[in-house]
Amino acid sequence: MRRLTHLKDTVRTWKDLREQGSSLLELVEMSLEEDDDSLAQQLAEESDSFFADLQEKEMELTLSGPYDRRPAILSIQPGAGGVDSQDWSQMLLRMYLRWAERHGYKTQLLDLSDGDWGGIKSAAVEISGPLAFGYLKAEKGVHRLVRLSPFNSDHLRHTSFAQVVVLPTADEEDSEVEIRPEDLKIDFFRSSGPGGQNVQKVASAVRLTHLPTGLVVSCQTERSQHQNREYATTLLKAHLLQLRLEERAKEMAELRGERISAEWGSQIRSYVLHPYRMVKDHRSQHQVSDANSVLDGDIDGFLKAYLLATVGKDDTTPHGTMDK
């Protein structure tokens, strides 16, 4: 029923755009026949609005994957760079939360571990909204920051790295994602204390270990042990779904004789704040000089450039349709 509703909405949207385009053409023809330029301003404004809507919908055509319409679970982990990388991870988390806020998307912080001297050690947030995973899957990979370190007494230039992982949420349609109680090891610990050990019974933080795969997830953002366990289960299901998808991809690659290149640790984007200011995506080559705006959540240009750069590289993605 969800798929039927989506298809009906898609057909209705394109029919409406076709009617708008026909109406605009009629106005243009009328203006030309009567040699009347009084409608020029109105036609210019309506045309700009029409083409903006058209480009937005054409962009959505590239998001036809089976999971693109699902909520996204975005996780951030510091990489090389010490406390600067933890601070950089916190900056990235804020960037994605601001992006979601700009688009009216709902966010739910599933896990957050503060750094010892600043920043965060890890974070996971669920972002729900139209085509959330479809857009945010472009962010998977290593993000690099170059700046004058605020944590260095000599204020020297420092390079930091952070790993971003983006997963689609699992739902009841994913029959292959099944978690049996006997396959789980559950640990409880205090959010403010060291992990890895059981403490008092009142401890609310939850760690789930999936014994068959060795996957481990934790959640400590809520005071309720029940709520933390629910969030941890959501995280675990998403990771299990991703694991199944990766297994399928490897099987298909073996059948096709393809070589799967490891993407973990690949640098996808650089954010330079010193000696100049620039953000550049190394896959699409899209770059902007307003780094502050990007870090405040203005990443739509990068998301769209990535989608356009990857059109046609995936059998599930329709070929390019963005030419006016």
Protein backbone atom coordinates (compact mmCIF):
# COMPACT_ATOMS: atom_id res chain seq x y z
CA MET A 1 0.00 0.00 0.00
CA ARG A 2 2.90 2.37 0.72
CA ARG A 3 4.39 1.64 -2.68
CA LEU A 4 1.01 2.17 -4.38
CA THR A 5 0.57 5.51 -2.60
CA HIS A 6 4.06 6.59 -3.65
CA LEU A 7 3.43 5.65 -7.30
CA LYS A 8 0.12 7.51 -7.35
CA ASP A 9 1.79 10.61 -5.89
CA THR A 10 4.55 10.39 -8.51
CA VAL A 11 2.10 10.16 -11.40
CA ARG A 12 0.03 13.03 -10.00
CA THR A 13 3.13 15.21 -9.61
CA TRP A 14 4.24 14.75 -13.22
CA LYS A 15 0.74 15.27 -14.57
CA ASP A 16 0.56 18.56 -12.65
CA LEU A 17 3.94 19.64 -14.04
CA ARG A 18 2.81 18.80 -17.55
CA GLU A 19 -0.32 20.95 -17.11
CA GLN A 20 1.77 23.83 -15.73
CA GLY A 21 4.13 23.59 -18.70
CA SER A 22 1.21 23.61 -21.15
CA SER A 23 -0.30 26.66 -19.47
CA LEU A 24 3.00 28.53 -19.68
CA LEU A 25 3.35 27.71 -23.39
CA GLU A 26 -0.18 28.99 -24.04
CA LEU A 27 0.66 32.26 -22.31
CA VAL A 28 3.84 32.61 -24.35
CA GLU A 29 2.00 31.93 -27.62
CA MET A 30 -0.75 34.41 -26.68
CA SER A 31 1.81 37.08 -25.85
CA LEU A 32 3.63 36.55 -29.16
CA GLU A 33 0.46 36.54 -31.25
CA GLU A 34 -0.78 39.77 -29.71
CA ASP A 35 2.69 41.31 -29.58
CA ASP A 36 2.01 42.04 -25.91
CA ASP A 37 5.06 42.26 -23.65
CA SER A 38 3.03 43.20 -20.57
CA LEU A 39 3.11 39.52 -19.53
CA ALA A 40 6.90 39.30 -19.74
CA GLN A 41 7.51 39.77 -16.01
CA GLN A 42 4.80 37.29 -15.05
CA LEU A 43 6.07 34.73 -17.55
CA ALA A 44 9.65 35.10 -16.30
CA GLU A 45 8.62 34.55 -12.68
CA GLU A 46 6.35 31.60 -13.45
CA SER A 47 8.96 30.03 -15.73
CA ASP A 48 11.65 30.27 -13.05
CA SER A 49 9.31 28.65 -10.53
CA PHE A 50 8.32 25.94 -13.01
CA PHE A 51 11.90 25.01 -13.93
CA ALA A 52 12.92 24.99 -10.25
CA ASP A 53 10.12 22.52 -9.49
CA LEU A 54 10.99 20.49 -12.58
CA GLN A 55 14.66 20.22 -11.67
CA GLU A 56 13.78 19.20 -8.11
CA LYS A 57 11.52 16.41 -9.37
CA GLU A 58 14.06 15.32 -11.96
CA MET A 59 16.60 15.06 -9.17
CA GLU A 60 14.22 12.80 -7.26
CA LEU A 61 14.12 10.47 -10.28
CA THR A 62 17.73 9.56 -9.49
CA LEU A 63 16.55 8.38 -6.06
CA SER A 64 14.67 5.25 -7.11
CA GLY A 65 16.62 2.73 -5.05
CA PRO A 66 14.68 0.28 -2.86
CA TYR A 67 15.79 2.05 0.33
CA ASP A 68 16.02 5.67 -0.79
CA ARG A 69 12.68 6.67 0.72
CA ARG A 70 13.50 5.28 4.15
CA PRO A 71 14.81 7.20 7.17
CA ALA A 72 18.60 7.28 7.46
CA ILE A 73 20.77 6.36 10.43
CA LEU A 74 23.90 8.48 10.31
CA SER A 75 26.86 7.57 12.52
CA ILE A 76 30.02 9.60 13.08
CA GLN A 77 33.34 8.34 14.45
CA PRO A 78 36.56 10.39 14.94
CA GLY A 79 39.59 9.26 12.97
CA ALA A 80 43.22 10.35 13.06
CA GLY A 81 43.80 13.69 14.72
CA GLY A 82 43.27 13.20 18.45
CA VAL A 83 41.03 15.68 20.25
CA ASP A 84 40.79 17.77 17.08
CA SER A 85 39.09 14.83 15.35
CA GLN A 86 36.62 14.53 18.20
CA ASP A 87 35.85 18.22 17.88
CA TRP A 88 35.57 17.80 14.09
CA SER A 89 33.10 14.95 14.61
CA GLN A 90 30.94 17.22 16.75
CA MET A 91 31.07 19.89 14.03
CA LEU A 92 29.89 17.33 11.48
CA LEU A 93 27.05 16.21 13.74
CA ARG A 94 25.89 19.82 14.04
CA MET A 95 26.14 20.24 10.25
CA TYR A 96 23.81 17.30 9.61
CA LEU A 97 21.37 18.35 12.33
CA ARG A 98 21.23 21.85 10.80
CA TRP A 99 20.68 20.32 7.34
CA ALA A 100 17.77 18.29 8.68
CA GLU A 101 16.33 21.36 10.39
CA ARG A 102 16.55 23.36 7.13
CA HIS A 103 14.45 20.71 5.37
CA GLY A 104 11.96 20.11 8.17
CA TYR A 105 13.23 16.57 8.77
CA LYS A 106 12.73 14.87 12.13
CA THR A 107 15.87 13.86 14.04
CA GLN A 108 16.32 11.45 16.93
CA LEU A 109 19.68 11.13 18.64
CA LEU A 110 20.23 7.40 19.14
CA ASP A 111 23.69 7.43 20.69
CA LEU A 112 26.19 10.03 21.86
CA SER A 113 29.49 9.58 23.65
CA ASP A 114 31.30 12.77 24.73
CA GLY A 115 35.04 13.15 24.30
CA ASP A 116 37.36 13.44 27.29
CA TRP A 117 38.59 16.94 26.44
CA GLY A 118 35.98 18.12 23.98
CA GLY A 119 33.97 17.00 21.00
CA ILE A 120 32.49 13.50 20.75
CA LYS A 121 33.85 9.96 20.60
CA SER A 122 30.85 8.70 18.63
CA ALA A 123 27.32 9.66 17.67
CA ALA A 124 24.37 8.12 15.85
CA VAL A 125 21.26 10.00 14.75
CA GLU A 126 18.14 8.88 12.90
CA ILE A 127 16.94 11.39 10.29
CA SER A 128 13.40 10.96 8.96
CA GLY A 129 11.90 12.84 6.03
CA PRO A 130 11.20 12.55 2.29
CA LEU A 131 14.03 10.60 0.62
CA ALA A 132 16.24 11.00 3.71
CA PHE A 133 18.47 7.99 2.99
CA GLY A 134 18.46 8.72 -0.74
CA TYR A 135 20.07 12.09 -0.16
CA LEU A 136 22.28 11.32 2.83
CA LYS A 137 23.86 8.17 1.37
CA ALA A 138 26.13 10.64 -0.46
CA GLU A 139 27.81 11.43 2.88
CA LYS A 140 29.26 7.99 3.52
CA GLY A 141 33.04 8.07 3.79
CA VAL A 142 35.92 9.98 5.37
CA HIS A 143 35.62 13.75 5.87
CA ARG A 144 38.86 15.74 6.22
CA LEU A 145 39.28 19.08 8.01
CA VAL A 146 42.27 21.42 7.71
CA ARG A 147 42.41 24.37 10.15
CA LEU A 148 44.40 26.13 12.83
CA SER A 149 43.95 23.89 15.85
CA PRO A 150 42.20 25.53 18.83
CA PHE A 151 43.66 22.76 21.00
CA ASN A 152 47.29 23.44 20.09
CA SER A 153 49.15 25.98 22.24
CA ASP A 154 51.18 27.07 19.20
CA HIS A 155 47.99 27.40 17.13
CA LEU A 156 49.49 25.37 14.29
CA ARG A 157 47.68 24.06 11.25
CA HIS A 158 46.18 20.65 11.92
CA THR A 159 44.46 17.98 9.80
CA SER A 160 41.63 15.93 11.29
CA PHE A 161 39.56 13.03 9.96
CA ALA A 162 36.13 11.64 10.79
CA GLN A 163 34.27 8.63 9.41
CA VAL A 164 30.59 8.99 8.46
CA VAL A 165 28.45 5.88 7.98
CA VAL A 166 24.92 6.16 6.57
CA LEU A 167 22.48 3.24 6.78
CA PRO A 168 18.82 2.82 5.80
CA THR A 169 16.51 1.83 8.63
CA ALA A 170 15.14 -1.72 8.62
CA ASP A 171 11.40 -2.35 8.74
CA GLU A 172 8.93 -5.24 8.75
CA GLU A 173 9.41 -5.78 5.00
CA ASP A 174 13.00 -6.90 5.58
CA SER A 175 12.36 -10.55 6.35
CA GLU A 176 16.09 -11.33 6.19
CA VAL A 177 16.72 -9.07 9.21
CA GLU A 178 15.69 -11.25 12.12
CA ILE A 179 17.02 -10.92 15.65
CA ARG A 180 16.46 -13.93 17.86
CA PRO A 181 16.69 -13.42 21.63
CA GLU A 182 19.22 -16.24 21.96
CA ASP A 183 21.52 -14.45 19.49
CA LEU A 184 21.83 -11.36 21.68
CA LYS A 185 24.16 -10.54 24.54
CA ILE A 186 22.84 -7.56 26.50
CA ASP A 187 25.00 -5.43 28.82
CA PHE A 188 23.89 -2.50 30.95
CA PHE A 189 26.20 0.24 32.23
CA ARG A 190 26.14 3.78 33.54
CA SER A 191 26.19 6.44 30.85
CA SER A 192 28.72 8.52 32.79
CA GLY A 193 30.94 5.60 33.72
CA PRO A 194 33.33 3.43 31.70
CA GLY A 195 31.71 1.02 29.28
CA GLY A 196 32.46 -2.62 28.88
CA GLN A 197 31.31 -3.74 32.32
CA ASN A 198 28.09 -4.16 34.24
CA VAL A 199 27.66 -1.75 37.10
CA GLN A 200 24.63 -1.12 39.31
CA LYS A 201 21.20 -2.42 38.37
CA VAL A 202 19.98 1.13 37.84
CA ALA A 203 22.40 1.60 34.93
CA SER A 204 20.38 2.79 31.93
CA ALA A 205 22.91 2.59 29.05
CA VAL A 206 22.55 -0.50 26.86
CA ARG A 207 25.04 -2.45 24.75
CA LEU A 208 23.82 -5.15 22.36
CA THR A 209 26.15 -7.78 20.90
CA HIS A 210 24.83 -9.87 18.01
CA LEU A 211 26.63 -13.15 18.58
CA PRO A 212 26.34 -14.68 15.07
CA THR A 213 27.91 -11.63 13.37
CA GLY A 214 29.87 -10.02 16.20
CA LEU A 215 28.15 -6.67 15.60
CA VAL A 216 28.09 -4.42 18.68
CA VAL A 217 25.92 -1.34 19.18
CA SER A 218 25.23 0.80 22.23
CA CYS A 219 22.88 3.57 23.26
CA GLN A 220 23.07 5.91 26.26
CA THR A 221 21.16 9.03 25.27
CA GLU A 222 18.01 8.34 27.32
CA ARG A 223 17.43 7.92 31.05
CA SER A 224 15.11 5.00 30.38
CA GLN A 225 16.80 1.62 30.01
CA HIS A 226 13.83 0.47 27.90
CA GLN A 227 14.17 3.43 25.50
CA ASN A 228 17.92 2.93 25.14
CA ARG A 229 17.37 -0.75 24.35
CA GLU A 230 14.79 0.19 21.71
CA TYR A 231 17.19 2.64 20.07
CA ALA A 232 20.04 0.12 20.22
CA THR A 233 17.81 -2.46 18.51
CA THR A 234 17.04 0.05 15.75
CA LEU A 235 20.77 0.58 15.24
CA LEU A 236 21.49 -3.16 15.22
CA LYS A 237 18.77 -3.88 12.65
CA ALA A 238 20.15 -1.19 10.36
CA HIS A 239 23.66 -2.68 10.60
CA LEU A 240 22.32 -6.18 9.93
CA LEU A 241 20.45 -4.92 6.87
CA GLN A 242 23.64 -3.26 5.59
CA LEU A 243 25.55 -6.49 6.18
CA ARG A 244 23.02 -8.44 4.09
CA LEU A 245 23.22 -5.85 1.31
CA GLU A 246 27.02 -6.02 1.26
CA GLU A 247 26.89 -9.83 1.08
CA ARG A 248 24.53 -9.62 -1.90
CA ALA A 249 26.78 -7.08 -3.63
CA LYS A 250 29.80 -9.35 -3.22
CA GLU A 251 27.85 -12.32 -4.60
CA MET A 252 26.76 -10.30 -7.64
CA ALA A 253 30.32 -9.04 -8.17
CA GLU A 254 31.64 -12.59 -8.14
CA LEU A 255 29.01 -13.68 -10.67
CA ARG A 256 29.85 -10.72 -12.93
CA GLY A 257 33.58 -11.06 -12.43
CA GLU A 258 33.78 -7.56 -10.95
CA ARG A 259 36.29 -6.37 -8.41
CA ILE A 260 34.86 -4.67 -5.34
CA SER A 261 37.12 -1.87 -4.13
CA ALA A 262 37.19 -1.19 -0.42
CA GLU A 263 35.64 2.21 0.27
CA TRP A 264 36.22 2.25 4.02
CA GLY A 265 38.64 5.02 4.84
CA SER A 266 38.40 6.68 1.43
CA GLN A 267 38.48 10.46 1.59
CA ILE A 268 35.35 11.87 -0.04
CA ARG A 269 35.47 15.54 0.95
CA SER A 270 37.90 18.14 2.31
CA TYR A 271 36.96 21.15 4.42
CA VAL A 272 39.78 23.70 4.43
CA LEU A 273 39.59 26.63 6.87
CA HIS A 274 43.27 27.65 6.64
CA PRO A 275 45.24 29.05 4.80
CA TYR A 276 42.22 29.59 2.53
CA ARG A 277 38.55 28.63 2.86
CA MET A 278 37.09 25.96 0.62
CA VAL A 279 35.03 22.77 0.74
CA LYS A 280 35.62 20.30 -2.10
CA ASP A 281 34.05 16.93 -2.84
CA HIS A 282 36.65 14.65 -4.44
CA ARG A 283 34.08 12.45 -6.20
CA SER A 284 31.93 15.03 -8.01
CA GLN A 285 34.59 17.83 -7.95
CA HIS A 286 31.89 20.18 -6.63
CA GLN A 287 33.43 22.91 -4.48
CA VAL A 288 32.40 26.12 -2.71
CA SER A 289 34.34 28.84 -0.92
CA ASP A 290 31.72 29.59 1.74
CA ALA A 291 32.87 26.96 4.24
CA ASN A 292 30.90 28.50 7.12
CA SER A 293 27.63 28.09 5.23
CA VAL A 294 28.42 24.44 4.51
CA LEU A 295 29.23 23.74 8.16
CA ASP A 296 25.91 25.39 9.03
CA GLY A 297 24.06 22.72 7.04
CA ASP A 298 24.07 24.07 3.48
CA ILE A 299 25.18 20.82 1.83
CA ASP A 300 22.46 20.45 -0.83
CA GLY A 301 24.89 21.37 -3.62
CA PHE A 302 27.18 18.48 -2.64
CA LEU A 303 24.31 15.99 -2.31
CA LYS A 304 22.92 16.85 -5.75
CA ALA A 305 26.34 16.92 -7.43
CA TYR A 306 27.06 13.44 -6.07
CA LEU A 307 23.70 12.09 -7.27
CA LEU A 308 24.24 13.50 -10.76
CA ALA A 309 27.81 12.15 -10.86
CA THR A 310 26.60 8.63 -10.02
CA VAL A 311 23.58 8.50 -12.37
CA GLY A 312 23.87 5.48 -14.64
CA LYS A 313 26.54 3.78 -12.52
CA ASP A 314 23.94 1.71 -10.68
CA ASP A 315 21.42 -0.61 -12.35
CA THR A 316 18.76 0.62 -9.92
CA THR A 317 19.28 4.27 -10.87
CA PRO A 318 17.57 5.79 -13.94
CA HIS A 319 19.78 7.49 -16.48
CA GLY A 320 20.27 11.23 -16.42
CA THR A 321 17.24 13.48 -17.04
CA MET A 322 18.54 16.85 -15.93
CA ASP A 323 19.01 18.46 -19.34
CA LYS A 324 16.62 21.38 -19.77
